[in-house]
Protein backbone atom coordinates (compact mmCIF):
# COMPACT_ATOMS: atom_id res chain seq x y z
CA MET A 1 12.10 -30.86 -21.49
CA SER A 2 9.75 -27.99 -22.44
CA PRO A 3 9.90 -28.63 -26.21
CA VAL A 4 8.91 -32.25 -25.49
CA PHE A 5 5.75 -31.73 -23.48
CA LEU A 6 4.54 -28.27 -24.57
CA PRO A 7 3.28 -29.44 -27.99
CA LEU A 8 1.03 -31.89 -26.10
CA ALA A 9 -0.74 -28.98 -24.37
CA GLN A 10 -2.63 -27.72 -27.40
CA ASN A 11 -5.23 -25.85 -25.30
CA LEU A 12 -2.75 -24.15 -22.97
CA THR A 13 -3.73 -20.53 -22.28
CA TYR A 14 -1.20 -19.41 -19.60
CA LEU A 15 2.51 -20.22 -19.48
CA VAL A 16 5.20 -19.02 -17.07
CA LEU A 17 8.84 -19.65 -17.96
CA ALA A 18 10.57 -18.54 -14.78
CA PHE A 19 13.86 -20.47 -14.75
CA LEU A 20 16.90 -18.40 -13.82
CA PRO A 21 20.17 -19.85 -12.51
CA GLN A 22 20.83 -18.04 -9.24
CA THR A 23 24.51 -18.98 -9.15
CA VAL A 24 26.75 -19.77 -12.09
CA PRO A 25 30.02 -21.72 -11.51
CA ASP A 26 33.12 -19.80 -12.57
CA GLU A 27 33.93 -22.26 -15.36
CA PHE A 28 30.54 -21.50 -16.98
CA VAL A 29 30.52 -17.70 -16.68
CA ASP A 30 31.39 -17.26 -20.36
CA ASP A 31 28.35 -19.33 -21.29
CA TYR A 32 25.94 -17.49 -19.01
CA ALA A 33 24.38 -15.49 -21.87
CA GLY A 34 23.30 -18.72 -23.48
CA LEU A 35 21.39 -19.68 -20.36
CA THR A 36 19.04 -16.71 -20.83
CA THR A 37 18.40 -17.25 -24.54
CA LEU A 38 15.20 -18.99 -25.68
CA ARG A 39 16.34 -21.96 -27.75
CA THR A 40 14.89 -22.61 -31.18
CA SER A 41 13.42 -25.90 -29.94
CA PHE A 42 11.44 -23.95 -27.34
CA THR A 43 10.17 -21.23 -29.68
CA ASN A 44 9.19 -23.98 -32.15
CA ALA A 45 7.05 -25.42 -29.36
CA LEU A 46 5.51 -21.98 -28.75
CA ARG A 47 4.50 -21.82 -32.41
CA GLN A 48 2.13 -24.74 -31.78
CA LEU A 49 0.29 -23.07 -28.86
CA LYS A 50 -2.36 -21.23 -30.88
CA HIS A 51 -4.60 -20.71 -27.82
CA LEU A 52 -1.92 -19.21 -25.56
CA GLN A 53 -3.22 -15.93 -24.16
CA ALA A 54 -0.63 -15.07 -21.48
CA LEU A 55 3.12 -15.65 -21.43
CA GLU A 56 5.60 -14.73 -18.70
CA PHE A 57 9.34 -14.99 -19.30
CA PRO A 58 10.77 -12.33 -16.97
CA PHE A 59 14.36 -13.62 -16.78
CA TRP A 60 15.09 -14.25 -20.45
CA GLU A 61 16.95 -11.81 -22.67
CA ALA A 62 16.94 -13.05 -26.25
CA LYS A 63 15.83 -15.68 -28.76
CA GLU A 64 17.97 -18.02 -30.83
CA ASP A 65 15.58 -18.22 -33.79
CA LYS A 66 15.73 -14.85 -35.56
CA THR A 67 12.52 -15.61 -37.47
CA PHE A 68 10.40 -16.08 -34.33
CA THR A 69 8.16 -13.17 -33.35
CA PHE A 70 5.16 -12.63 -31.09
CA SER A 71 3.03 -11.68 -34.08
CA THR A 72 -0.59 -12.64 -34.65
CA ASP A 73 0.56 -15.03 -37.38
CA ILE A 74 2.63 -17.10 -34.94
CA MET A 75 0.78 -16.50 -31.66
CA PRO A 76 -2.72 -15.39 -32.66
CA SER A 77 -4.26 -15.45 -29.15
CA LEU A 78 -1.46 -13.78 -27.16
CA THR A 79 -2.68 -10.62 -25.36
CA HIS A 80 -0.79 -10.67 -22.01
CA ILE A 81 2.98 -10.68 -21.62
CA SER A 82 5.50 -10.27 -18.80
CA VAL A 83 9.14 -9.51 -19.57
CA GLY A 84 12.24 -8.47 -17.66
CA ASP A 85 15.69 -8.13 -19.20
CA TRP A 86 14.49 -8.80 -22.76
CA GLN A 87 16.67 -7.08 -25.36
CA GLN A 88 15.57 -8.24 -28.82
CA TRP A 89 12.65 -5.89 -29.34
CA ASP A 90 12.44 -6.80 -33.02
CA ALA A 91 10.41 -9.78 -31.79
CA PHE A 92 7.57 -7.27 -31.33
CA GLU A 93 8.15 -5.26 -34.52
CA VAL A 94 5.30 -6.85 -36.43
CA GLU A 95 1.62 -6.58 -35.61
CA HIS A 96 0.61 -8.19 -32.32
CA LYS A 97 -2.44 -8.07 -30.04
CA ILE A 98 -0.54 -7.67 -26.76
CA ASP A 99 -2.22 -4.96 -24.68
CA VAL A 100 -1.58 -6.16 -21.09
CA VAL A 101 2.10 -5.72 -20.28
CA LYS A 102 4.14 -6.28 -17.11
CA TRP A 103 7.77 -5.18 -16.96
CA LEU A 104 10.04 -6.53 -14.22
CA ILE A 105 12.49 -3.64 -13.96
CA HIS A 106 16.15 -4.28 -13.23
CA PRO A 107 18.32 -1.45 -11.80
CA ASP A 108 20.84 -1.73 -14.65
CA LEU A 109 18.27 -0.05 -16.90
CA ASP A 110 19.70 3.26 -15.66
CA PHE A 111 22.54 2.71 -18.08
CA ASP A 112 20.81 1.30 -21.15
CA GLU A 113 18.68 3.81 -23.06
CA ASP A 114 18.13 1.41 -25.97
CA LEU A 115 16.53 -1.12 -23.64
CA ILE A 116 14.17 1.44 -22.13
CA ARG A 117 13.25 3.00 -25.46
CA GLY A 118 12.83 -0.40 -27.08
CA PHE A 119 10.28 -1.39 -24.44
CA PHE A 120 8.24 1.78 -24.86
CA GLU A 121 8.41 1.68 -28.65
CA HIS A 122 7.33 -1.93 -29.12
CA LEU A 123 5.45 -3.10 -26.03
CA GLY A 124 4.20 0.27 -24.80
CA ARG A 125 2.73 1.30 -28.15
CA GLN A 126 -0.66 -0.33 -27.63
CA ALA A 127 -0.59 -1.22 -23.94
CA ARG A 128 -4.02 -0.87 -22.37
CA VAL A 129 -2.88 -2.20 -18.97
CA LEU A 130 0.70 -1.52 -17.91
CA GLN A 131 2.57 -2.61 -14.77
CA PHE A 132 6.10 -1.78 -13.64
CA ALA A 133 7.33 -4.24 -11.00
CA ALA A 134 10.49 -3.85 -8.92
CA GLN A 135 12.83 -6.81 -9.13
CA SER A 136 12.99 -8.17 -5.60
CA GLY A 137 16.22 -8.51 -3.71
CA TRP A 138 18.15 -5.46 -4.84
CA GLY A 139 16.77 -2.97 -2.36
CA ARG A 140 16.23 0.16 -4.41
CA THR A 141 12.64 1.38 -4.27
CA ASP A 142 12.86 4.10 -6.95
CA LEU A 143 12.24 3.87 -10.67
CA PRO A 144 15.39 3.86 -12.84
CA GLN A 145 16.61 7.18 -14.15
CA GLY A 146 15.96 7.76 -17.83
CA LEU A 147 12.35 6.52 -17.98
CA ALA A 148 10.86 9.98 -18.50
CA GLU A 149 13.52 11.14 -20.97
CA ASN A 150 13.15 8.03 -23.12
CA LEU A 151 9.35 8.02 -23.05
CA GLN A 152 9.41 11.48 -24.63
CA LYS A 153 11.54 10.16 -27.49
CA VAL A 154 9.33 7.28 -28.64
CA SER A 155 7.36 7.76 -31.83
CA TRP A 156 3.86 7.47 -30.36
CA TYR A 157 4.33 9.80 -27.41
CA LYS A 158 3.42 12.92 -29.39
CA ASN A 159 -0.09 11.43 -29.65
CA ILE A 160 -0.30 10.40 -25.98
CA SER A 161 -3.83 11.84 -25.73
CA GLU A 162 -4.97 9.13 -28.18
CA HIS A 163 -3.03 6.27 -26.57
CA PRO A 164 -5.17 3.33 -25.31
CA LEU A 165 -3.46 3.13 -21.87
CA GLU A 166 -6.19 3.08 -19.20
CA SER A 167 -4.60 1.34 -16.20
CA PHE A 168 -1.11 1.80 -14.72
CA THR A 169 0.35 -0.05 -11.73
CA LEU A 170 3.62 0.47 -9.86
CA HIS A 171 4.47 -2.65 -7.87
CA GLY A 172 7.16 -2.42 -5.20
CA PHE A 173 8.21 1.17 -5.86
CA ASN A 174 8.00 3.97 -3.33
CA PRO A 175 5.82 6.99 -4.31
CA LEU A 176 6.46 8.74 -0.98
CA THR A 177 10.18 8.86 -0.22
CA SER A 178 13.52 8.22 -1.90
CA HIS A 179 16.95 7.08 -0.76
CA LYS A 180 18.71 9.89 -2.65
CA GLN A 181 17.78 13.54 -3.15
CA GLU A 182 18.50 13.37 -6.89
CA TRP A 183 16.00 10.54 -7.29
CA THR A 184 13.06 12.45 -5.80
CA THR A 185 11.97 13.75 -9.23
CA ILE A 186 12.14 10.45 -11.20
CA LEU A 187 8.60 9.22 -10.52
CA PRO A 188 7.03 12.73 -10.49
CA SER A 189 8.61 13.50 -13.88
CA PHE A 190 7.41 10.22 -15.36
CA LEU A 191 3.82 10.62 -14.14
CA SER A 192 3.80 14.23 -15.34
CA LEU A 193 4.34 12.94 -18.90
CA LEU A 194 1.17 10.87 -18.54
CA SER A 195 -1.01 13.84 -17.57
CA GLU A 196 -2.56 14.02 -21.07
CA SER A 197 -3.07 10.27 -21.32
CA ASN A 198 -6.34 8.37 -20.92
CA ILE A 199 -5.38 6.61 -17.69
CA ARG A 200 -8.46 6.02 -15.55
CA SER A 201 -6.94 3.82 -12.86
CA ILE A 202 -3.59 4.02 -11.08
CA SER A 203 -2.27 1.72 -8.35
CA PHE A 204 0.73 1.77 -6.05
CA ILE A 205 0.89 -1.71 -4.54
CA ASP A 206 3.33 -3.44 -2.21
CA VAL A 207 4.77 -0.01 -1.39
CA PRO A 208 7.89 -0.31 0.81
CA SER A 209 7.00 1.61 3.97
CA LEU A 210 10.56 2.48 5.00
CA ARG A 211 10.59 4.85 7.97
CA ASN A 212 14.05 6.34 7.95
CA ALA A 213 14.66 9.94 8.93
CA ARG A 214 17.37 10.29 6.29
CA ARG A 215 15.08 9.47 3.37
CA HIS A 216 13.87 12.31 1.14
CA LYS A 217 10.26 13.14 0.27
CA LEU A 218 9.40 12.97 -3.42
CA ASP A 219 9.04 16.37 -5.06
CA TRP A 220 5.57 16.60 -6.65
CA SER A 221 5.58 20.39 -6.95
CA GLN A 222 6.19 20.44 -10.71
CA THR A 223 4.04 17.44 -11.62
CA SER A 224 1.01 17.99 -13.82
CA PRO A 225 -2.18 16.46 -12.35
CA LEU A 226 -3.79 13.44 -14.00
CA HIS A 227 -7.34 14.75 -14.43
CA LYS A 228 -8.81 11.59 -15.99
CA VAL A 229 -7.84 9.25 -13.16
CA SER A 230 -10.95 8.21 -11.22
CA THR A 231 -9.66 5.17 -9.30
CA VAL A 232 -6.61 5.25 -7.04
CA GLN A 233 -5.20 2.41 -4.94
CA ILE A 234 -2.30 2.73 -2.49
CA SER A 235 -1.34 -0.43 -0.64
CA LEU A 236 1.67 -0.66 1.67
CA ALA A 237 3.77 -3.81 1.91
CA LEU A 238 3.21 -5.87 5.03
CA ASP A 239 6.87 -6.87 5.21
CA GLU A 240 8.45 -3.56 6.09
CA ASP A 241 11.97 -2.56 6.99
CA THR A 242 12.99 0.31 9.23
CA LYS A 243 16.35 0.61 7.49
CA ASP A 244 16.88 1.48 3.85
CA ARG A 245 18.88 -1.23 2.12
CA GLY A 246 20.66 1.14 -0.25
CA ASP A 247 20.54 1.74 -3.98
CA GLY A 248 21.15 -1.76 -5.25
CA GLY A 249 24.88 -1.35 -5.44
CA GLY A 250 25.63 -3.06 -2.16
CA GLU A 251 25.73 0.08 -0.01
CA ASP A 252 24.49 -0.30 3.54
CA PHE A 253 22.32 2.60 4.62
CA GLU A 254 21.95 2.99 8.36
CA GLY A 255 19.96 5.64 10.15
CA GLU A 256 17.61 6.41 12.99
CA ASP A 257 13.91 5.70 12.66
CA ASP A 258 11.62 8.71 12.41
CA ASP A 259 10.45 8.55 16.00
CA GLY A 260 13.52 7.06 17.61
CA GLU A 261 12.07 3.62 18.31
CA SER A 262 11.76 0.56 16.16
CA ASP A 263 8.59 -0.27 14.24
CA ALA A 264 8.46 -3.61 16.02
CA GLN A 265 8.37 -1.88 19.39
CA LYS A 266 5.59 0.42 18.23
CA GLY A 267 3.59 -2.56 16.98
CA GLU A 268 3.91 -4.27 20.34
CA SER A 269 2.69 -1.29 22.33
CA ASP A 270 -0.09 -0.08 20.03
CA PRO A 271 -2.61 -2.37 18.28
CA MET A 272 -3.07 0.26 15.52
CA SER A 273 0.26 2.09 15.05
CA GLU A 274 0.82 3.96 11.78
CA ARG A 275 3.34 2.84 9.20
CA VAL A 276 2.97 6.10 7.26
CA PRO A 277 1.21 9.22 8.60
CA ALA A 278 -1.75 10.67 6.73
CA ASP A 279 0.01 13.91 5.85
CA GLY A 280 2.62 11.91 3.92
CA LEU A 281 -0.06 11.11 1.32
CA GLU A 282 -1.44 14.58 0.64
CA SER A 283 0.98 15.64 -2.11
CA LEU A 284 0.57 12.32 -3.91
CA LEU A 285 -3.24 12.41 -3.78
CA ASP A 286 -3.27 15.99 -5.10
CA LEU A 287 -2.22 14.54 -8.48
CA PHE A 288 -5.69 13.05 -8.87
CA PRO A 289 -8.16 15.94 -8.41
CA ASN A 290 -11.08 13.98 -9.93
CA VAL A 291 -10.69 10.74 -8.00
CA VAL A 292 -13.99 8.92 -7.45
CA ASN A 293 -12.87 5.70 -5.75
CA LEU A 294 -9.94 5.62 -3.34
CA SER A 295 -8.51 2.51 -1.70
CA LEU A 296 -5.94 2.68 1.11
CA ALA A 297 -4.48 -0.52 2.53
CA ASN A 298 -2.17 -1.55 5.36
CA PHE A 299 -1.36 1.93 6.67
CA HIS A 300 -1.50 0.60 10.25
CA ARG A 301 0.13 -2.33 11.95
CA ALA A 302 -2.96 -4.07 13.22
CA LYS A 303 -2.73 -6.60 16.06
CA LYS A 304 -5.80 -8.79 16.30
CA PRO A 305 -6.65 -9.95 19.83
CA THR A 306 -5.92 -13.64 20.38
CA THR A 307 -6.57 -16.11 23.12
CA GLU A 308 -4.12 -18.67 24.51
CA SER A 309 -5.58 -22.11 23.98
CA GLN A 310 -3.93 -25.45 24.44
CA ARG A 311 -4.00 -26.07 20.72
CA GLY A 312 -3.04 -22.54 19.80
CA SER A 313 -0.10 -22.42 22.17
CA GLU A 314 1.55 -25.47 20.65
CA GLU A 315 4.75 -24.69 18.83
CA GLY A 316 4.13 -23.79 15.22
CA GLN A 317 0.39 -23.35 15.71
CA PRO A 318 -1.24 -19.93 15.25
CA LEU A 319 -2.98 -18.36 18.21
CA ALA A 320 -6.74 -18.69 18.12
CA VAL A 321 -8.74 -15.49 17.69
CA ASP A 322 -11.04 -14.48 20.52
CA SER A 323 -14.26 -13.83 18.60
CA GLN A 324 -15.78 -11.39 21.08
CA ALA A 325 -12.52 -9.54 21.61
CA TYR A 326 -12.05 -9.39 17.84
CA ASP A 327 -15.48 -7.82 17.39
CA ARG A 328 -14.65 -5.22 20.04
CA PHE A 329 -11.29 -4.57 18.37
CA ALA A 330 -13.04 -4.04 15.03
CA ARG A 331 -15.61 -1.58 16.44
CA GLU A 332 -13.63 0.17 19.16
CA THR A 333 -10.07 0.22 17.76
CA PHE A 334 -9.89 -0.42 14.02
CA GLN A 335 -12.90 1.61 12.86
CA PRO A 336 -12.04 4.72 14.93
CA ALA A 337 -8.42 4.55 13.75
CA ALA A 338 -9.59 4.34 10.15
CA ARG A 339 -11.96 7.28 10.67
CA THR A 340 -9.21 9.38 12.24
CA PHE A 341 -6.82 8.63 9.37
CA ILE A 342 -9.40 9.57 6.72
CA ASP A 343 -10.42 12.71 8.63
CA ARG A 344 -6.80 13.86 8.77
CA LEU A 345 -6.51 13.43 5.00
CA ARG A 346 -9.56 15.71 4.49
CA VAL A 347 -10.29 13.82 1.27
CA PHE A 348 -14.04 14.42 1.24
CA GLU A 349 -13.46 18.16 1.53
CA ARG A 350 -10.59 18.29 -0.98
CA PHE A 351 -12.06 16.07 -3.73
CA ASP A 352 -15.62 16.97 -4.63
CA LYS A 353 -16.08 14.01 -7.01
CA LEU A 354 -14.97 11.45 -4.44
CA GLU A 355 -17.75 8.92 -3.79
CA GLN A 356 -16.08 6.37 -1.55
CA VAL A 357 -12.92 5.50 0.35
CA VAL A 358 -12.11 1.93 1.35
CA PHE A 359 -9.64 1.66 4.22
CA ARG A 360 -8.52 -1.92 4.75
CA SER A 361 -5.92 -4.01 6.54
CA ALA A 362 -4.75 -7.47 5.53
CA GLU A 363 -3.31 -7.98 9.02
CA ALA A 364 -6.56 -7.14 10.79
CA GLN A 365 -8.64 -8.74 8.02
CA LEU A 366 -10.95 -5.75 8.25
CA ALA A 367 -12.08 -2.89 6.06
CA VAL A 368 -14.13 0.27 6.54
CA ARG A 369 -15.99 1.73 3.60
CA PHE A 370 -16.66 5.46 3.79
CA ARG A 371 -19.41 6.44 1.36
CA ARG A 372 -20.71 9.84 0.35
CA ASP A 373 -24.46 10.24 0.51
CA LYS A 374 -26.39 13.37 -0.41
CA THR A 375 -29.81 13.91 1.08
CA GLU A 376 -32.75 15.61 -0.64
CA ASP A 377 -31.79 18.91 0.95
CA LYS A 378 -28.32 18.50 -0.61
CA GLU A 379 -26.68 18.07 2.77
CA THR A 380 -23.69 15.76 2.49
CA ARG A 381 -23.39 12.85 4.88
CA TRP A 382 -20.81 10.13 5.24
CA HIS A 383 -21.75 6.54 5.91
CA GLU A 384 -19.36 3.99 7.39
CA GLU A 385 -19.58 0.27 6.78
CA LEU A 386 -17.33 -2.09 8.75
CA ARG A 387 -16.59 -5.37 7.02
CA ARG A 388 -14.51 -8.48 7.53
CA LEU A 389 -12.27 -9.31 4.59
CA TYR A 390 -12.15 -13.07 5.08
């Protein structure tokens, strides 16, 4: 139906084409490739959307119309794009204005150099904002092998110091630990290649906080620091798992938790138990010696105090928050825990350009802002500001 109604939306600016058949009957397996190909009728409809600025089609691989491209002639307003298993990179051969790019990375990319290199060559060439997102459901929390090797081979990499990339986000990948020892250098090697780039902001969001004693710490020892990065965000996923789910190939990975008890048990006994200890961040933060603004989120499991009310105790109803107890929790539990975490990181001593650290929790709906303040006698002081997020 898309080719029917899309031409009626002449002023459309944002379009998401997210259809993907989750199960394909056996009798249609041979036709599956056709299900992920953009039909000519659909790309003809796209040709009429001259105001379209953002397009997401993460589960589509090819186009039926060989003449269709994402050029300024056909899609003059397009600047944002999100792709996944796309394979026909000639659609981006001609001039385009796309500079905000999201790539939903599938684990099979380990085995397809042309796909990786095609992305870097055509969509990475002028990316100003770049995001790698892990495809949910397959368990692996590491970047695919081959990213660093193929980045070095693209035509524009030799001039990386002149590249427009200024913001890079890793969504759903783990910058702290890896399931396999041989994977511990994948992310460090890739970031090392960006050390001469113009990246100012880097984010690690929805980080899987797996706490398994058999996981391996990433090896940052040979990684070149990113001197131009001034803003760093590290945000742990709220939905955590104490067991690694394997490498995406169906392998079950069982093991003991780091401290011998489940994360759920720790959360029940401690209103501010750590998901990841402060010392686990030190090697990662050392990559950004000139950081100015640092944001750390969800490093504790935070249990807000609640009160049993008749309405709140009904099945399916959330417990009401005790306002006074919540205020005490914020001042007497959350803020001291945040201060202790930041003190253990020693960030204000290690990074002389650091101006502020924001430590926040979506569960507690609280944040503490630590701000550097220099007095007239050049004595450094730190100010703390406790805030509610919502």
